[in-house]
Amino acid sequence: MEKLENGTYKPTIMFNDANYTVVSNQISITVKGTVEEPDETGDGSGDEGDGSDDTGKTGTED
């Protein structure tokens, strides 16, 4: 759990017993205050690109 990012998670819990009980959409876990490690490719903002997507297009080409 130490690698979870800040946010809200909705886990599903399964009890593998004779009744095989599944609990989902009943609880949520909120993670906040975690320390984010800086991005090794820049300043950690995550926006280091040139405006293009993975294909190299910026969305302005036809």
N, C-alpha and C. Protein backbone atom coordinates (compact mmCIF):
# COMPACT_ATOMS: atom_id res chain seq x y z
N MET A 1 0.81 -1.20 0.00
CA MET A 1 0.00 0.00 0.00
C MET A 1 0.85 1.26 0.00
N GLU A 2 2.13 1.13 0.20
CA GLU A 2 2.98 2.32 0.25
C GLU A 2 3.15 2.97 -1.11
N LYS A 3 2.79 2.31 -2.20
CA LYS A 3 2.95 2.86 -3.54
C LYS A 3 1.66 3.46 -4.09
N LEU A 4 0.59 3.50 -3.31
CA LEU A 4 -0.67 4.06 -3.80
C LEU A 4 -0.58 5.57 -3.94
N GLU A 5 -1.14 6.08 -5.02
CA GLU A 5 -1.21 7.52 -5.23
C GLU A 5 -2.39 8.08 -4.44
N ASN A 6 -2.37 9.39 -4.19
CA ASN A 6 -3.50 10.04 -3.54
C ASN A 6 -4.76 9.78 -4.35
N GLY A 7 -5.86 9.52 -3.68
CA GLY A 7 -7.11 9.28 -4.38
C GLY A 7 -8.03 8.40 -3.57
N THR A 8 -9.17 8.09 -4.13
CA THR A 8 -10.16 7.24 -3.48
C THR A 8 -10.24 5.93 -4.24
N TYR A 9 -10.18 4.84 -3.51
CA TYR A 9 -10.21 3.51 -4.09
C TYR A 9 -11.42 2.75 -3.56
N LYS A 10 -12.06 1.97 -4.41
CA LYS A 10 -13.21 1.15 -4.03
C LYS A 10 -12.83 -0.31 -4.20
N PRO A 11 -12.35 -0.95 -3.12
CA PRO A 11 -11.91 -2.34 -3.24
C PRO A 11 -13.07 -3.33 -3.21
N THR A 12 -12.81 -4.50 -3.73
CA THR A 12 -13.73 -5.63 -3.60
C THR A 12 -13.07 -6.64 -2.69
N ILE A 13 -13.80 -7.10 -1.69
CA ILE A 13 -13.27 -8.05 -0.72
C ILE A 13 -14.00 -9.37 -0.89
N MET A 14 -13.22 -10.46 -1.02
CA MET A 14 -13.81 -11.79 -1.17
C MET A 14 -13.36 -12.66 -0.01
N PHE A 15 -14.32 -13.31 0.61
CA PHE A 15 -14.05 -14.27 1.67
C PHE A 15 -14.21 -15.65 1.06
N ASN A 16 -13.12 -16.34 0.91
CA ASN A 16 -13.16 -17.66 0.28
C ASN A 16 -13.48 -18.72 1.33
N ASP A 17 -14.70 -18.67 1.81
CA ASP A 17 -15.16 -19.64 2.80
C ASP A 17 -16.26 -20.49 2.18
N ALA A 18 -16.97 -21.24 2.98
CA ALA A 18 -18.02 -22.12 2.47
C ALA A 18 -19.11 -21.36 1.73
N ASN A 19 -19.34 -20.08 2.10
CA ASN A 19 -20.39 -19.29 1.47
C ASN A 19 -19.88 -18.43 0.32
N TYR A 20 -18.57 -18.33 0.12
CA TYR A 20 -17.94 -17.49 -0.89
C TYR A 20 -18.60 -16.12 -0.93
N THR A 21 -18.37 -15.32 0.10
CA THR A 21 -18.97 -14.00 0.25
C THR A 21 -18.14 -12.95 -0.47
N VAL A 22 -18.81 -12.10 -1.25
CA VAL A 22 -18.15 -11.00 -1.96
C VAL A 22 -18.79 -9.69 -1.52
N VAL A 23 -17.95 -8.74 -1.10
CA VAL A 23 -18.42 -7.42 -0.70
C VAL A 23 -17.82 -6.41 -1.67
N SER A 24 -18.67 -5.69 -2.40
CA SER A 24 -18.19 -4.66 -3.33
C SER A 24 -19.13 -3.48 -3.28
N ASN A 25 -18.61 -2.31 -3.63
CA ASN A 25 -19.36 -1.05 -3.62
C ASN A 25 -19.94 -0.72 -2.24
N GLN A 26 -19.31 -1.20 -1.20
CA GLN A 26 -19.79 -0.93 0.14
C GLN A 26 -18.81 -0.06 0.94
N ILE A 27 -17.55 -0.10 0.59
CA ILE A 27 -16.54 0.67 1.32
C ILE A 27 -15.66 1.42 0.33
N SER A 28 -14.99 2.44 0.81
CA SER A 28 -13.99 3.14 0.00
C SER A 28 -12.81 3.48 0.90
N ILE A 29 -11.66 3.54 0.28
CA ILE A 29 -10.43 3.88 0.99
C ILE A 29 -9.88 5.15 0.36
N THR A 30 -9.64 6.18 1.18
CA THR A 30 -9.10 7.43 0.68
C THR A 30 -7.65 7.56 1.13
N VAL A 31 -6.76 7.74 0.16
CA VAL A 31 -5.34 7.92 0.43
C VAL A 31 -5.02 9.39 0.20
N LYS A 32 -4.43 10.04 1.20
CA LYS A 32 -4.02 11.43 1.03
C LYS A 32 -2.78 11.69 1.86
N GLY A 33 -2.03 12.66 1.43
CA GLY A 33 -0.81 13.03 2.16
C GLY A 33 0.39 12.17 1.82
N THR A 34 0.31 11.39 0.74
CA THR A 34 1.48 10.60 0.37
C THR A 34 2.50 11.48 -0.31
N VAL A 35 3.74 11.13 -0.17
CA VAL A 35 4.83 11.89 -0.76
C VAL A 35 5.04 11.38 -2.18
N GLU A 36 4.93 12.28 -3.15
CA GLU A 36 5.14 11.90 -4.53
C GLU A 36 6.60 12.10 -4.88
N GLU A 37 7.21 11.04 -5.44
CA GLU A 37 8.60 11.13 -5.83
C GLU A 37 8.71 11.94 -7.12
N PRO A 38 9.76 12.73 -7.25
CA PRO A 38 9.90 13.54 -8.48
C PRO A 38 10.09 12.65 -9.70
N ASP A 39 9.56 13.12 -10.82
CA ASP A 39 9.69 12.42 -12.09
C ASP A 39 11.15 12.49 -12.52
N GLU A 40 11.71 11.35 -12.92
CA GLU A 40 13.12 11.33 -13.29
C GLU A 40 13.40 12.06 -14.60
N THR A 41 12.36 12.33 -15.41
CA THR A 41 12.58 12.97 -16.70
C THR A 41 12.42 14.48 -16.64
N GLY A 42 12.05 15.03 -15.49
CA GLY A 42 11.87 16.48 -15.42
C GLY A 42 11.63 16.95 -14.01
N ASP A 43 10.74 17.93 -13.87
CA ASP A 43 10.51 18.55 -12.58
C ASP A 43 9.41 17.89 -11.78
N GLY A 44 8.86 16.77 -12.28
CA GLY A 44 7.82 16.08 -11.55
C GLY A 44 6.42 16.50 -11.90
N SER A 45 6.27 17.47 -12.81
CA SER A 45 4.93 17.93 -13.16
C SER A 45 4.21 16.94 -14.06
N GLY A 46 4.97 16.05 -14.73
CA GLY A 46 4.36 15.08 -15.60
C GLY A 46 3.95 15.65 -16.94
N ASP A 47 4.25 16.92 -17.20
CA ASP A 47 3.87 17.57 -18.44
C ASP A 47 5.15 18.00 -19.17
N GLU A 48 5.96 17.03 -19.52
CA GLU A 48 7.25 17.32 -20.12
C GLU A 48 7.22 17.22 -21.64
N GLY A 49 6.08 16.90 -22.22
CA GLY A 49 6.00 16.64 -23.64
C GLY A 49 6.02 17.90 -24.48
N ASP A 50 6.01 17.67 -25.79
CA ASP A 50 6.02 18.77 -26.75
C ASP A 50 4.62 19.07 -27.26
N GLY A 51 3.62 18.55 -26.61
CA GLY A 51 2.24 18.78 -27.02
C GLY A 51 1.72 17.72 -27.96
N SER A 52 2.56 16.75 -28.29
CA SER A 52 2.13 15.70 -29.21
C SER A 52 1.72 14.46 -28.42
N ASP A 53 0.92 13.63 -29.07
CA ASP A 53 0.56 12.37 -28.44
C ASP A 53 1.59 11.32 -28.84
N ASP A 54 1.34 10.04 -28.57
CA ASP A 54 2.30 8.99 -28.86
C ASP A 54 2.59 8.83 -30.35
N THR A 55 1.73 9.33 -31.22
CA THR A 55 1.94 9.21 -32.65
C THR A 55 2.78 10.35 -33.19
N GLY A 56 3.07 11.36 -32.38
CA GLY A 56 3.83 12.50 -32.81
C GLY A 56 2.98 13.63 -33.32
N LYS A 57 1.66 13.44 -33.34
CA LYS A 57 0.75 14.49 -33.83
C LYS A 57 0.33 15.37 -32.68
N THR A 58 0.17 16.65 -32.95
CA THR A 58 -0.24 17.59 -31.92
C THR A 58 -1.72 17.87 -31.92
N GLY A 59 -2.46 17.28 -32.85
CA GLY A 59 -3.89 17.50 -32.92
C GLY A 59 -4.26 18.62 -33.87
N THR A 60 -3.26 19.29 -34.43
CA THR A 60 -3.55 20.38 -35.36
C THR A 60 -3.44 19.92 -36.81
N GLU A 61 -2.84 18.74 -37.01
CA GLU A 61 -2.72 18.22 -38.37
C GLU A 61 -4.03 17.59 -38.81
N ASP A 62 -4.29 17.61 -40.13
CA ASP A 62 -5.49 16.96 -40.68
C ASP A 62 -5.16 15.62 -41.24
